PDB file of all heavy atoms in Angstrom:
ATOM      1  N   TRP A   1     -96.970 122.894 111.803  1.00  0.00           N
ATOM      2  CA  TRP A   1     -98.379 122.637 112.044  1.00  0.00           C
ATOM      3  C   TRP A   1     -98.621 121.193 112.538  1.00  0.00           C
ATOM      4  O   TRP A   1     -99.749 120.861 112.886  1.00  0.00           O
ATOM      5  CB  TRP A   1     -99.216 122.897 110.787  1.00  0.00           C
ATOM      6  CG  TRP A   1     -98.673 122.232 109.561  1.00  0.00           C
ATOM      7  CD1 TRP A   1     -98.949 120.975 109.101  1.00  0.00           C
ATOM      8  CD2 TRP A   1     -97.731 122.794 108.635  1.00  0.00           C
ATOM      9  NE1 TRP A   1     -98.249 120.711 107.955  1.00  0.00           N
ATOM     10  CE2 TRP A   1     -97.488 121.827 107.654  1.00  0.00           C
ATOM     11  CE3 TRP A   1     -97.089 124.026 108.543  1.00  0.00           C
ATOM     12  CZ2 TRP A   1     -96.651 122.050 106.574  1.00  0.00           C
ATOM     13  CZ3 TRP A   1     -96.235 124.228 107.486  1.00  0.00           C
ATOM     14  CH2 TRP A   1     -96.007 123.272 106.533  1.00  0.00           C
ATOM     15  N   LEU A   2     -97.551 120.399 112.637  1.00  0.00           N
ATOM     16  CA  LEU A   2     -97.673 119.030 113.172  1.00  0.00           C
ATOM     17  C   LEU A   2     -96.898 118.865 114.496  1.00  0.00           C
ATOM     18  O   LEU A   2     -96.543 117.771 114.879  1.00  0.00           O
ATOM     19  CB  LEU A   2     -97.167 117.995 112.156  1.00  0.00           C
ATOM     20  CG  LEU A   2     -98.018 117.921 110.883  1.00  0.00           C
ATOM     21  CD1 LEU A   2     -97.395 116.927 109.885  1.00  0.00           C
ATOM     22  CD2 LEU A   2     -99.443 117.475 111.195  1.00  0.00           C
ATOM     23  N   GLY A   3     -96.595 120.004 115.120  1.00  0.00           N
ATOM     24  CA  GLY A   3     -95.976 119.915 116.462  1.00  0.00           C
ATOM     25  C   GLY A   3     -94.558 120.414 116.544  1.00  0.00           C
ATOM     26  O   GLY A   3     -94.003 120.464 117.625  1.00  0.00           O
ATOM     27  N   LEU A   4     -93.911 120.742 115.430  1.00  0.00           N
ATOM     28  CA  LEU A   4     -92.562 121.268 115.394  1.00  0.00           C
ATOM     29  C   LEU A   4     -91.596 120.304 116.119  1.00  0.00           C
ATOM     30  O   LEU A   4     -91.410 119.185 115.661  1.00  0.00           O
ATOM     31  CB  LEU A   4     -92.518 122.672 115.985  1.00  0.00           C
ATOM     32  CG  LEU A   4     -91.384 123.583 115.574  1.00  0.00           C
ATOM     33  CD1 LEU A   4     -91.349 123.812 114.068  1.00  0.00           C
ATOM     34  CD2 LEU A   4     -91.479 124.912 116.297  1.00  0.00           C
ATOM     35  N   ASP A   5     -91.091 120.675 117.289  1.00  0.00           N
ATOM     36  CA  ASP A   5     -90.155 119.818 118.026  1.00  0.00           C
ATOM     37  C   ASP A   5     -90.788 119.126 119.206  1.00  0.00           C
ATOM     38  O   ASP A   5     -90.130 118.501 120.019  1.00  0.00           O
ATOM     39  CB  ASP A   5     -88.931 120.606 118.468  1.00  0.00           C
ATOM     40  CG  ASP A   5     -89.255 121.634 119.519  1.00  0.00           C
ATOM     41  OD1 ASP A   5     -90.447 122.026 119.656  1.00  0.00           O
ATOM     42  OD2 ASP A   5     -88.332 122.079 120.228  1.00  0.00           O
ATOM     43  N   ALA A   6     -92.144 119.167 119.331  1.00  0.00           N
ATOM     44  CA  ALA A   6     -92.823 118.617 120.483  1.00  0.00           C
ATOM     45  C   ALA A   6     -92.592 117.102 120.640  1.00  0.00           C
ATOM     46  O   ALA A   6     -92.629 116.571 121.746  1.00  0.00           O
ATOM     47  CB  ALA A   6     -94.331 118.888 120.385  1.00  0.00           C
ATOM     48  N   HIS A   7     -92.330 116.414 119.551  1.00  0.00           N
ATOM     49  CA  HIS A   7     -92.140 114.948 119.587  1.00  0.00           C
ATOM     50  C   HIS A   7     -90.660 114.551 119.491  1.00  0.00           C
ATOM     51  O   HIS A   7     -90.341 113.388 119.325  1.00  0.00           O
ATOM     52  CB  HIS A   7     -92.928 114.296 118.485  1.00  0.00           C
ATOM     53  CG  HIS A   7     -94.400 114.612 118.554  1.00  0.00           C
ATOM     54  ND1 HIS A   7     -95.219 114.173 119.540  1.00  0.00           N
ATOM     55  CD2 HIS A   7     -95.156 115.380 117.729  1.00  0.00           C
ATOM     56  CE1 HIS A   7     -96.436 114.649 119.344  1.00  0.00           C
ATOM     57  NE2 HIS A   7     -96.418 115.392 118.249  1.00  0.00           N
ATOM     58  N   CYS A   8     -89.782 115.530 119.581  1.00  0.00           N
ATOM     59  CA  CYS A   8     -88.332 115.266 119.464  1.00  0.00           C
ATOM     60  C   CYS A   8     -87.882 114.370 120.614  1.00  0.00           C
ATOM     61  O   CYS A   8     -88.310 114.538 121.762  1.00  0.00           O
ATOM     62  CB  CYS A   8     -87.554 116.577 119.484  1.00  0.00           C
ATOM     63  SG  CYS A   8     -85.774 116.344 119.237  1.00  0.00           S
ATOM     64  N   ASN A   9     -86.970 113.454 120.284  1.00  0.00           N
ATOM     65  CA  ASN A   9     -86.467 112.534 121.315  1.00  0.00           C
ATOM     66  C   ASN A   9     -85.655 113.263 122.398  1.00  0.00           C
ATOM     67  O   ASN A   9     -85.394 112.719 123.463  1.00  0.00           O
ATOM     68  CB  ASN A   9     -85.652 111.380 120.705  1.00  0.00           C
ATOM     69  CG  ASN A   9     -84.437 111.829 119.960  1.00  0.00           C
ATOM     70  OD1 ASN A   9     -83.945 112.941 120.104  1.00  0.00           O
ATOM     71  ND2 ASN A   9     -83.939 110.934 119.112  1.00  0.00           N
ATOM     72  N   TYR A  10     -85.287 114.498 122.144  1.00  0.00           N
ATOM     73  CA  TYR A  10     -84.569 115.291 123.147  1.00  0.00           C
ATOM     74  C   TYR A  10     -85.409 115.458 124.412  1.00  0.00           C
ATOM     75  O   TYR A  10     -84.879 115.501 125.508  1.00  0.00           O
ATOM     76  CB  TYR A  10     -84.219 116.660 122.560  1.00  0.00           C
ATOM     77  CG  TYR A  10     -83.562 117.588 123.540  1.00  0.00           C
ATOM     78  CD1 TYR A  10     -82.253 117.396 123.931  1.00  0.00           C
ATOM     79  CD2 TYR A  10     -84.285 118.635 124.118  1.00  0.00           C
ATOM     80  CE1 TYR A  10     -81.646 118.235 124.862  1.00  0.00           C
ATOM     81  CE2 TYR A  10     -83.683 119.476 125.043  1.00  0.00           C
ATOM     82  CZ  TYR A  10     -82.380 119.260 125.409  1.00  0.00           C
ATOM     83  OH  TYR A  10     -81.800 120.101 126.327  1.00  0.00           O
ATOM     84  N   TYR A  11     -86.705 115.533 124.254  1.00  0.00           N
ATOM     85  CA  TYR A  11     -87.612 115.752 125.389  1.00  0.00           C
ATOM     86  C   TYR A  11     -88.063 114.453 126.053  1.00  0.00           C
ATOM     87  O   TYR A  11     -88.821 114.506 127.009  1.00  0.00           O
ATOM     88  CB  TYR A  11     -88.848 116.544 124.954  1.00  0.00           C
ATOM     89  CG  TYR A  11     -88.486 117.887 124.352  1.00  0.00           C
ATOM     90  CD1 TYR A  11     -88.728 118.147 123.010  1.00  0.00           C
ATOM     91  CD2 TYR A  11     -87.935 118.893 125.140  1.00  0.00           C
ATOM     92  CE1 TYR A  11     -88.411 119.383 122.458  1.00  0.00           C
ATOM     93  CE2 TYR A  11     -87.604 120.121 124.603  1.00  0.00           C
ATOM     94  CZ  TYR A  11     -87.849 120.353 123.265  1.00  0.00           C
ATOM     95  OH  TYR A  11     -87.519 121.564 122.733  1.00  0.00           O
ATOM     96  N   LYS A  12     -87.630 113.338 125.573  1.00  0.00           N
ATOM     97  CA  LYS A  12     -88.042 112.038 126.122  1.00  0.00           C
ATOM     98  C   LYS A  12     -86.944 111.482 127.027  1.00  0.00           C
ATOM     99  O   LYS A  12     -85.892 111.064 126.544  1.00  0.00           O
ATOM    100  CB  LYS A  12     -88.360 111.079 124.987  1.00  0.00           C
ATOM    101  CG  LYS A  12     -89.462 111.625 124.087  1.00  0.00           C
ATOM    102  CD  LYS A  12     -89.900 110.619 123.098  1.00  0.00           C
ATOM    103  CE  LYS A  12     -90.929 111.134 122.144  1.00  0.00           C
ATOM    104  NZ  LYS A  12     -91.900 112.066 122.586  1.00  0.00           N
ATOM    105  N   PRO A  13     -87.167 111.501 128.327  1.00  0.00           N
ATOM    106  CA  PRO A  13     -86.136 111.026 129.253  1.00  0.00           C
ATOM    107  C   PRO A  13     -85.686 109.591 129.002  1.00  0.00           C
ATOM    108  O   PRO A  13     -84.549 109.249 129.213  1.00  0.00           O
ATOM    109  CB  PRO A  13     -86.804 111.132 130.634  1.00  0.00           C
ATOM    110  CG  PRO A  13     -88.026 111.944 130.454  1.00  0.00           C
ATOM    111  CD  PRO A  13     -88.378 111.905 129.001  1.00  0.00           C
ATOM    112  N   GLN A  14     -86.583 108.751 128.489  1.00  0.00           N
ATOM    113  CA  GLN A  14     -86.260 107.347 128.246  1.00  0.00           C
ATOM    114  C   GLN A  14     -85.513 107.123 126.932  1.00  0.00           C
ATOM    115  O   GLN A  14     -85.014 106.028 126.696  1.00  0.00           O
ATOM    116  CB  GLN A  14     -87.525 106.467 128.292  1.00  0.00           C
ATOM    117  CG  GLN A  14     -88.406 106.563 127.056  1.00  0.00           C
ATOM    118  CD  GLN A  14     -89.316 107.777 126.986  1.00  0.00           C
ATOM    119  OE1 GLN A  14     -89.207 108.733 127.771  1.00  0.00           O
ATOM    120  NE2 GLN A  14     -90.255 107.772 126.038  1.00  0.00           N
ATOM    121  N   ALA A  15     -85.422 108.149 126.085  1.00  0.00           N
ATOM    122  CA  ALA A  15     -84.757 107.979 124.796  1.00  0.00           C
ATOM    123  C   ALA A  15     -83.256 107.729 125.018  1.00  0.00           C
ATOM    124  O   ALA A  15     -82.595 108.480 125.737  1.00  0.00           O
ATOM    125  CB  ALA A  15     -84.968 109.184 123.924  1.00  0.00           C
ATOM    126  N   GLU A  16     -82.761 106.687 124.397  1.00  0.00           N
ATOM    127  CA  GLU A  16     -81.351 106.348 124.531  1.00  0.00           C
ATOM    128  C   GLU A  16     -80.457 107.393 123.858  1.00  0.00           C
ATOM    129  O   GLU A  16     -79.374 107.700 124.316  1.00  0.00           O
ATOM    130  CB  GLU A  16     -81.085 104.981 123.913  1.00  0.00           C
ATOM    131  CG  GLU A  16     -79.688 104.466 124.085  1.00  0.00           C
ATOM    132  CD  GLU A  16     -79.486 103.082 123.516  1.00  0.00           C
ATOM    133  OE1 GLU A  16     -80.466 102.428 123.159  1.00  0.00           O
ATOM    134  OE2 GLU A  16     -78.316 102.693 123.381  1.00  0.00           O
ATOM    135  N   HIS A  17     -80.937 107.921 122.740  1.00  0.00           N
ATOM    136  CA  HIS A  17     -80.151 108.904 121.966  1.00  0.00           C
ATOM    137  C   HIS A  17     -80.956 110.192 121.854  1.00  0.00           C
ATOM    138  O   HIS A  17     -82.160 110.170 121.674  1.00  0.00           O
ATOM    139  CB  HIS A  17     -79.850 108.356 120.561  1.00  0.00           C
ATOM    140  CG  HIS A  17     -79.184 107.039 120.591  1.00  0.00           C
ATOM    141  ND1 HIS A  17     -77.880 106.872 121.005  1.00  0.00           N
ATOM    142  CD2 HIS A  17     -79.651 105.789 120.295  1.00  0.00           C
ATOM    143  CE1 HIS A  17     -77.552 105.610 120.943  1.00  0.00           C
ATOM    144  NE2 HIS A  17     -78.609 104.918 120.512  1.00  0.00           N
ATOM    145  N   LYS A  18     -80.261 111.314 121.937  1.00  0.00           N
ATOM    146  CA  LYS A  18     -80.913 112.625 121.854  1.00  0.00           C
ATOM    147  C   LYS A  18     -80.474 113.331 120.576  1.00  0.00           C
ATOM    148  O   LYS A  18     -79.304 113.282 120.204  1.00  0.00           O
ATOM    149  CB  LYS A  18     -80.536 113.490 123.079  1.00  0.00           C
ATOM    150  CG  LYS A  18     -80.819 112.859 124.424  1.00  0.00           C
ATOM    151  CD  LYS A  18     -82.278 112.851 124.734  1.00  0.00           C
ATOM    152  CE  LYS A  18     -82.475 112.317 126.139  1.00  0.00           C
ATOM    153  NZ  LYS A  18     -83.842 112.376 126.555  1.00  0.00           N
ATOM    154  N   CYS A  19     -81.425 113.998 119.942  1.00  0.00           N
ATOM    155  CA  CYS A  19     -81.158 114.734 118.692  1.00  0.00           C
ATOM    156  C   CYS A  19     -79.952 115.623 118.822  1.00  0.00           C
ATOM    157  O   CYS A  19     -79.861 116.453 119.753  1.00  0.00           O
ATOM    158  CB  CYS A  19     -82.399 115.573 118.367  1.00  0.00           C
ATOM    159  SG  CYS A  19     -82.139 116.756 117.031  1.00  0.00           S
ATOM    160  N   PRO A  20     -78.942 115.490 117.948  1.00  0.00           N
ATOM    161  CA  PRO A  20     -77.714 116.301 118.063  1.00  0.00           C
ATOM    162  C   PRO A  20     -77.939 117.817 117.963  1.00  0.00           C
ATOM    163  O   PRO A  20     -77.234 118.577 118.615  1.00  0.00           O
ATOM    164  CB  PRO A  20     -76.872 115.813 116.890  1.00  0.00           C
ATOM    165  CG  PRO A  20     -77.358 114.463 116.581  1.00  0.00           C
ATOM    166  CD  PRO A  20     -78.838 114.503 116.881  1.00  0.00           C
ATOM    167  N   TRP A  21     -78.882 118.242 117.146  1.00  0.00           N
ATOM    168  CA  TRP A  21     -79.118 119.686 117.049  1.00  0.00           C
ATOM    169  C   TRP A  21     -79.816 120.228 118.279  1.00  0.00           C
ATOM    170  O   TRP A  21     -79.605 121.376 118.651  1.00  0.00           O
ATOM    171  CB  TRP A  21     -79.936 120.007 115.791  1.00  0.00           C
ATOM    172  CG  TRP A  21     -79.142 120.023 114.529  1.00  0.00           C
ATOM    173  CD1 TRP A  21     -77.791 119.919 114.397  1.00  0.00           C
ATOM    174  CD2 TRP A  21     -79.649 120.145 113.223  1.00  0.00           C
ATOM    175  NE1 TRP A  21     -77.428 119.971 113.086  1.00  0.00           N
ATOM    176  CE2 TRP A  21     -78.551 120.100 112.324  1.00  0.00           C
ATOM    177  CE3 TRP A  21     -80.929 120.258 112.671  1.00  0.00           C
ATOM    178  CZ2 TRP A  21     -78.694 120.194 110.948  1.00  0.00           C
ATOM    179  CZ3 TRP A  21     -81.063 120.361 111.307  1.00  0.00           C
ATOM    180  CH2 TRP A  21     -79.958 120.340 110.436  1.00  0.00           C
ATOM    181  N   CYS A  22     -80.611 119.412 118.956  1.00  0.00           N
ATOM    182  CA  CYS A  22     -81.292 119.856 120.164  1.00  0.00           C
ATOM    183  C   CYS A  22     -80.418 119.656 121.427  1.00  0.00           C
ATOM    184  O   CYS A  22     -80.468 120.430 122.341  1.00  0.00           O
ATOM    185  CB  CYS A  22     -82.608 119.121 120.352  1.00  0.00           C
ATOM    186  SG  CYS A  22     -83.817 119.493 119.076  1.00  0.00           S
ATOM    187  N   ALA A  23     -79.633 118.581 121.419  1.00  0.00           N
ATOM    188  CA  ALA A  23     -78.803 118.245 122.586  1.00  0.00           C
ATOM    189  C   ALA A  23     -77.688 119.279 122.819  1.00  0.00           C
ATOM    190  O   ALA A  23     -77.293 119.506 123.950  1.00  0.00           O
ATOM    191  CB  ALA A  23     -78.221 116.859 122.438  1.00  0.00           C
ATOM    192  N   SER A  24     -77.192 119.854 121.755  1.00  0.00           N
ATOM    193  CA  SER A  24     -76.155 120.880 121.883  1.00  0.00           C
ATOM    194  C   SER A  24     -76.639 122.144 121.218  1.00  0.00           C
ATOM    195  O   SER A  24     -76.693 122.238 119.979  1.00  0.00           O
ATOM    196  CB  SER A  24     -74.859 120.391 121.193  1.00  0.00           C
ATOM    197  OG  SER A  24     -73.932 121.465 121.119  1.00  0.00           O
ATOM    198  N   MET A  25     -77.029 123.116 122.017  1.00  0.00           N
ATOM    199  CA  MET A  25     -77.530 124.372 121.507  1.00  0.00           C
ATOM    200  C   MET A  25     -76.513 125.013 120.551  1.00  0.00           C
ATOM    201  O   MET A  25     -76.871 125.526 119.506  1.00  0.00           O
ATOM    202  CB  MET A  25     -77.880 125.322 122.669  1.00  0.00           C
ATOM    203  CG  MET A  25     -78.532 126.596 122.213  1.00  0.00           C
ATOM    204  SD  MET A  25     -80.160 126.383 121.499  1.00  0.00           S
ATOM    205  CE  MET A  25     -81.116 126.001 122.941  1.00  0.00           C
ATOM    206  N   PHE A  26     -75.232 124.954 120.917  1.00  0.00           N
ATOM    207  CA  PHE A  26     -74.171 125.538 120.082  1.00  0.00           C
ATOM    208  C   PHE A  26     -74.141 124.868 118.728  1.00  0.00           C
ATOM    209  O   PHE A  26     -74.152 125.541 117.694  1.00  0.00           O
ATOM    210  CB  PHE A  26     -72.825 125.402 120.778  1.00  0.00           C
ATOM    211  CG  PHE A  26     -71.664 125.845 119.934  1.00  0.00           C
ATOM    212  CD1 PHE A  26     -71.424 127.200 119.716  1.00  0.00           C
ATOM    213  CD2 PHE A  26     -70.839 124.917 119.334  1.00  0.00           C
ATOM    214  CE1 PHE A  26     -70.372 127.629 118.911  1.00  0.00           C
ATOM    215  CE2 PHE A  26     -69.772 125.334 118.528  1.00  0.00           C
ATOM    216  CZ  PHE A  26     -69.552 126.679 118.316  1.00  0.00           C
ATOM    217  N   VAL A  27     -74.122 123.550 118.707  1.00  0.00           N
ATOM    218  CA  VAL A  27     -74.084 122.810 117.435  1.00  0.00           C
ATOM    219  C   VAL A  27     -75.344 123.046 116.626  1.00  0.00           C
ATOM    220  O   VAL A  27     -75.287 123.259 115.411  1.00  0.00           O
ATOM    221  CB  VAL A  27     -73.852 121.295 117.672  1.00  0.00           C
ATOM    222  CG1 VAL A  27     -74.036 120.484 116.401  1.00  0.00           C
ATOM    223  CG2 VAL A  27     -72.466 121.061 118.260  1.00  0.00           C
TER     224      VAL A  27
END
């Protein structure tokens, strides 16, 4: 109810690091 993964750094092109669970679908 607060956006789920909408604010995840995975979706931010400028983010230096990307969420490991989102960056690798398999993982």
